[in-house]
């Protein structure tokens, strides 16, 4: 199992074994984190904080 952490704040978002595409919004900093088979490793997209 590999850990999936937020690219901005490094909060643990989950663990995965085999994944083609995964998108998780971090509850701490609201960054949308994307993991895909095409783009390795993780990439993050910063969203506006309200």
PDB file of N, CA and C in Angstrom:
ATOM      1  N   UNK A   1       0.836  -1.180   0.000  1.00  0.00           N
ATOM      2  CA  UNK A   1       0.000   0.000   0.000  1.00  0.00           C
ATOM      3  C   UNK A   1       0.887   1.251   0.000  1.00  0.00           C
ATOM      4  N   UNK A   2       0.460   2.231  -0.769  1.00  0.00           N
ATOM      5  CA  UNK A   2       1.173   3.498  -0.820  1.00  0.00           C
ATOM      6  C   UNK A   2       0.304   4.577  -0.201  1.00  0.00           C
ATOM      7  N   UNK A   3       0.944   5.539   0.440  1.00  0.00           N
ATOM      8  CA  UNK A   3       0.210   6.641   1.046  1.00  0.00           C
ATOM      9  C   UNK A   3      -0.082   7.712  -0.002  1.00  0.00           C
ATOM     10  N   UNK A   4      -1.233   8.331   0.127  1.00  0.00           N
ATOM     11  CA  UNK A   4      -1.619   9.454  -0.729  1.00  0.00           C
ATOM     12  C   UNK A   4      -1.739  10.670   0.176  1.00  0.00           C
ATOM     13  N   UNK A   5      -0.781  11.595   0.051  1.00  0.00           N
ATOM     14  CA  UNK A   5      -0.750  12.777   0.909  1.00  0.00           C
ATOM     15  C   UNK A   5      -1.007  14.038   0.098  1.00  0.00           C
ATOM     16  N   UNK A   6      -1.542  15.045   0.787  1.00  0.00           N
ATOM     17  CA  UNK A   6      -1.773  16.342   0.157  1.00  0.00           C
ATOM     18  C   UNK A   6      -0.431  16.929  -0.260  1.00  0.00           C
ATOM     19  N   UNK A   7      -0.360  17.411  -1.474  1.00  0.00           N
ATOM     20  CA  UNK A   7       0.866  17.983  -2.007  1.00  0.00           C
ATOM     21  C   UNK A   7       1.214  19.309  -1.326  1.00  0.00           C
ATOM     22  N   UNK A   8       0.222  20.007  -0.781  1.00  0.00           N
ATOM     23  CA  UNK A   8       0.473  21.298  -0.143  1.00  0.00           C
ATOM     24  C   UNK A   8       0.833  21.181   1.332  1.00  0.00           C
ATOM     25  N   UNK A   9      -0.009  20.470   2.107  1.00  0.00           N
ATOM     26  CA  UNK A   9       0.195  20.429   3.557  1.00  0.00           C
ATOM     27  C   UNK A   9       0.663  19.074   4.073  1.00  0.00           C
ATOM     28  N   UNK A  10       0.769  18.073   3.192  1.00  0.00           N
ATOM     29  CA  UNK A  10       1.270  16.730   3.505  1.00  0.00           C
ATOM     30  C   UNK A  10       0.346  15.920   4.416  1.00  0.00           C
ATOM     31  N   UNK A  11      -0.914  16.330   4.590  1.00  0.00           N
ATOM     32  CA  UNK A  11      -1.876  15.555   5.378  1.00  0.00           C
ATOM     33  C   UNK A  11      -2.143  14.231   4.664  1.00  0.00           C
ATOM     34  N   UNK A  12      -2.200  13.141   5.427  1.00  0.00           N
ATOM     35  CA  UNK A  12      -2.514  11.836   4.861  1.00  0.00           C
ATOM     36  C   UNK A  12      -3.972  11.811   4.447  1.00  0.00           C
ATOM     37  N   UNK A  13      -4.221  11.586   3.151  1.00  0.00           N
ATOM     38  CA  UNK A  13      -5.579  11.564   2.623  1.00  0.00           C
ATOM     39  C   UNK A  13      -6.106  10.150   2.450  1.00  0.00           C
ATOM     40  N   UNK A  14      -5.209   9.177   2.323  1.00  0.00           N
ATOM     41  CA  UNK A  14      -5.626   7.792   2.160  1.00  0.00           C
ATOM     42  C   UNK A  14      -4.460   6.925   1.752  1.00  0.00           C
ATOM     43  N   UNK A  15      -4.751   5.631   1.583  1.00  0.00           N
ATOM     44  CA  UNK A  15      -3.759   4.672   1.118  1.00  0.00           C
ATOM     45  C   UNK A  15      -4.352   3.917  -0.051  1.00  0.00           C
ATOM     46  N   UNK A  16      -3.503   3.532  -1.010  1.00  0.00           N
ATOM     47  CA  UNK A  16      -3.980   2.826  -2.187  1.00  0.00           C
ATOM     48  C   UNK A  16      -2.977   1.753  -2.597  1.00  0.00           C
ATOM     49  N   UNK A  17      -3.478   0.736  -3.280  1.00  0.00           N
ATOM     50  CA  UNK A  17      -2.615  -0.329  -3.773  1.00  0.00           C
ATOM     51  C   UNK A  17      -2.455  -0.237  -5.285  1.00  0.00           C
ATOM     52  N   UNK A  18      -3.559  -0.099  -6.007  1.00  0.00           N
ATOM     53  CA  UNK A  18      -3.526   0.008  -7.458  1.00  0.00           C
ATOM     54  C   UNK A  18      -4.615   0.983  -7.862  1.00  0.00           C
ATOM     55  N   UNK A  19      -4.233   2.002  -8.580  1.00  0.00           N
ATOM     56  CA  UNK A  19      -5.199   3.057  -8.882  1.00  0.00           C
ATOM     57  C   UNK A  19      -4.876   3.666 -10.244  1.00  0.00           C
ATOM     58  N   UNK A  20      -5.904   3.837 -11.077  1.00  0.00           N
ATOM     59  CA  UNK A  20      -5.711   4.512 -12.368  1.00  0.00           C
ATOM     60  C   UNK A  20      -5.918   6.011 -12.240  1.00  0.00           C
ATOM     61  N   UNK A  21      -6.932   6.403 -11.453  1.00  0.00           N
ATOM     62  CA  UNK A  21      -7.212   7.830 -11.283  1.00  0.00           C
ATOM     63  C   UNK A  21      -7.851   8.043  -9.916  1.00  0.00           C
ATOM     64  N   UNK A  22      -7.368   9.028  -9.195  1.00  0.00           N
ATOM     65  CA  UNK A  22      -7.889   9.349  -7.879  1.00  0.00           C
ATOM     66  C   UNK A  22      -7.813  10.856  -7.697  1.00  0.00           C
ATOM     67  N   UNK A  23      -8.897  11.440  -7.222  1.00  0.00           N
ATOM     68  CA  UNK A  23      -8.943  12.880  -6.979  1.00  0.00           C
ATOM     69  C   UNK A  23      -9.550  13.093  -5.602  1.00  0.00           C
ATOM     70  N   UNK A  24      -8.812  13.761  -4.725  1.00  0.00           N
ATOM     71  CA  UNK A  24      -9.276  13.988  -3.353  1.00  0.00           C
ATOM     72  C   UNK A  24      -9.032  15.443  -2.990  1.00  0.00           C
ATOM     73  N   UNK A  25     -10.059  16.085  -2.402  1.00  0.00           N
ATOM     74  CA  UNK A  25      -9.920  17.445  -1.899  1.00  0.00           C
ATOM     75  C   UNK A  25      -9.495  17.362  -0.443  1.00  0.00           C
ATOM     76  N   UNK A  26      -8.403  18.006  -0.106  1.00  0.00           N
ATOM     77  CA  UNK A  26      -7.877  17.976   1.250  1.00  0.00           C
ATOM     78  C   UNK A  26      -8.803  18.748   2.185  1.00  0.00           C
ATOM     79  N   UNK A  27      -9.227  18.126   3.284  1.00  0.00           N
ATOM     80  CA  UNK A  27     -10.104  18.822   4.227  1.00  0.00           C
ATOM     81  C   UNK A  27      -9.381  19.908   5.026  1.00  0.00           C
ATOM     82  N   UNK A  28      -8.060  19.842   5.075  1.00  0.00           N
ATOM     83  CA  UNK A  28      -7.298  20.825   5.845  1.00  0.00           C
ATOM     84  C   UNK A  28      -7.066  22.111   5.052  1.00  0.00           C
ATOM     85  N   UNK A  29      -6.600  21.999   3.799  1.00  0.00           N
ATOM     86  CA  UNK A  29      -6.206  23.196   3.045  1.00  0.00           C
ATOM     87  C   UNK A  29      -7.005  23.407   1.755  1.00  0.00           C
ATOM     88  N   UNK A  30      -7.965  22.524   1.461  1.00  0.00           N
ATOM     89  CA  UNK A  30      -8.846  22.624   0.297  1.00  0.00           C
ATOM     90  C   UNK A  30      -8.136  22.485  -1.054  1.00  0.00           C
ATOM     91  N   UNK A  31      -6.958  21.896  -1.062  1.00  0.00           N
ATOM     92  CA  UNK A  31      -6.252  21.636  -2.312  1.00  0.00           C
ATOM     93  C   UNK A  31      -6.831  20.378  -2.946  1.00  0.00           C
ATOM     94  N   UNK A  32      -7.051  20.414  -4.249  1.00  0.00           N
ATOM     95  CA  UNK A  32      -7.508  19.230  -4.972  1.00  0.00           C
ATOM     96  C   UNK A  32      -6.274  18.469  -5.424  1.00  0.00           C
ATOM     97  N   UNK A  33      -6.118  17.248  -4.910  1.00  0.00           N
ATOM     98  CA  UNK A  33      -4.968  16.403  -5.207  1.00  0.00           C
ATOM     99  C   UNK A  33      -5.382  15.348  -6.209  1.00  0.00           C
ATOM    100  N   UNK A  34      -4.575  15.161  -7.250  1.00  0.00           N
ATOM    101  CA  UNK A  34      -4.892  14.228  -8.320  1.00  0.00           C
ATOM    102  C   UNK A  34      -3.765  13.218  -8.463  1.00  0.00           C
ATOM    103  N   UNK A  35      -4.143  11.950  -8.514  1.00  0.00           N
ATOM    104  CA  UNK A  35      -3.211  10.866  -8.786  1.00  0.00           C
ATOM    105  C   UNK A  35      -3.748  10.120  -9.992  1.00  0.00           C
ATOM    106  N   UNK A  36      -2.933   9.994 -11.032  1.00  0.00           N
ATOM    107  CA  UNK A  36      -3.377   9.258 -12.209  1.00  0.00           C
ATOM    108  C   UNK A  36      -2.227   8.440 -12.768  1.00  0.00           C
ATOM    109  N   UNK A  37      -2.552   7.420 -13.540  1.00  0.00           N
ATOM    110  CA  UNK A  37      -1.537   6.558 -14.143  1.00  0.00           C
ATOM    111  C   UNK A  37      -0.720   7.337 -15.166  1.00  0.00           C
ATOM    112  N   UNK A  38      -1.295   8.380 -15.747  1.00  0.00           N
ATOM    113  CA  UNK A  38      -0.605   9.177 -16.760  1.00  0.00           C
ATOM    114  C   UNK A  38       0.376  10.151 -16.111  1.00  0.00           C
ATOM    115  N   UNK A  39      -0.064  10.802 -15.033  1.00  0.00           N
ATOM    116  CA  UNK A  39       0.780  11.787 -14.353  1.00  0.00           C
ATOM    117  C   UNK A  39       1.221  11.245 -13.001  1.00  0.00           C
ATOM    118  N   UNK A  40       2.427  10.724 -12.926  1.00  0.00           N
ATOM    119  CA  UNK A  40       2.975  10.240 -11.676  1.00  0.00           C
ATOM    120  C   UNK A  40       4.128  11.125 -11.297  1.00  0.00           C
ATOM    121  N   UNK A  41       4.423  11.400 -10.069  1.00  0.00           N
ATOM    122  CA  UNK A  41       3.568  11.200  -8.921  1.00  0.00           C
ATOM    123  C   UNK A  41       2.453  12.215  -8.844  1.00  0.00           C
ATOM    124  N   UNK A  42       2.005  12.510  -7.650  1.00  0.00           N
ATOM    125  CA  UNK A  42       0.843  13.358  -7.439  1.00  0.00           C
ATOM    126  C   UNK A  42       1.070  14.788  -7.931  1.00  0.00           C
ATOM    127  N   UNK A  43       0.010  15.406  -8.342  1.00  0.00           N
ATOM    128  CA  UNK A  43       0.011  16.822  -8.696  1.00  0.00           C
ATOM    129  C   UNK A  43      -1.103  17.480  -7.910  1.00  0.00           C
ATOM    130  N   UNK A  44      -0.928  18.717  -7.552  1.00  0.00           N
ATOM    131  CA  UNK A  44      -1.941  19.402  -6.753  1.00  0.00           C
ATOM    132  C   UNK A  44      -2.407  20.659  -7.456  1.00  0.00           C
ATOM    133  N   UNK A  45      -3.664  20.974  -7.262  1.00  0.00           N
ATOM    134  CA  UNK A  45      -4.263  22.184  -7.800  1.00  0.00           C
ATOM    135  C   UNK A  45      -4.782  22.975  -6.615  1.00  0.00           C
ATOM    136  N   UNK A  46      -4.263  24.183  -6.424  1.00  0.00           N
ATOM    137  CA  UNK A  46      -4.691  25.013  -5.292  1.00  0.00           C
ATOM    138  C   UNK A  46      -6.037  25.644  -5.602  1.00  0.00           C
ATOM    139  N   UNK A  47      -6.968  25.537  -4.679  1.00  0.00           N
ATOM    140  CA  UNK A  47      -8.278  26.162  -4.858  1.00  0.00           C
ATOM    141  C   UNK A  47      -8.376  27.388  -3.965  1.00  0.00           C
ATOM    142  N   UNK A  48      -9.279  28.289  -4.304  1.00  0.00           N
ATOM    143  CA  UNK A  48      -9.486  29.491  -3.519  1.00  0.00           C
ATOM    144  C   UNK A  48     -10.157  29.153  -2.210  1.00  0.00           C
ATOM    145  N   UNK A  49      -9.678  29.757  -1.136  1.00  0.00           N
ATOM    146  CA  UNK A  49     -10.297  29.567   0.166  1.00  0.00           C
ATOM    147  C   UNK A  49     -11.377  30.623   0.346  1.00  0.00           C
ATOM    148  N   UNK A  50     -12.521  30.175   0.838  1.00  0.00           N
ATOM    149  CA  UNK A  50     -13.647  31.106   1.007  1.00  0.00           C
ATOM    150  C   UNK A  50     -13.507  31.937   2.241  1.00  0.00           C
TER     151      UNK A  50
END
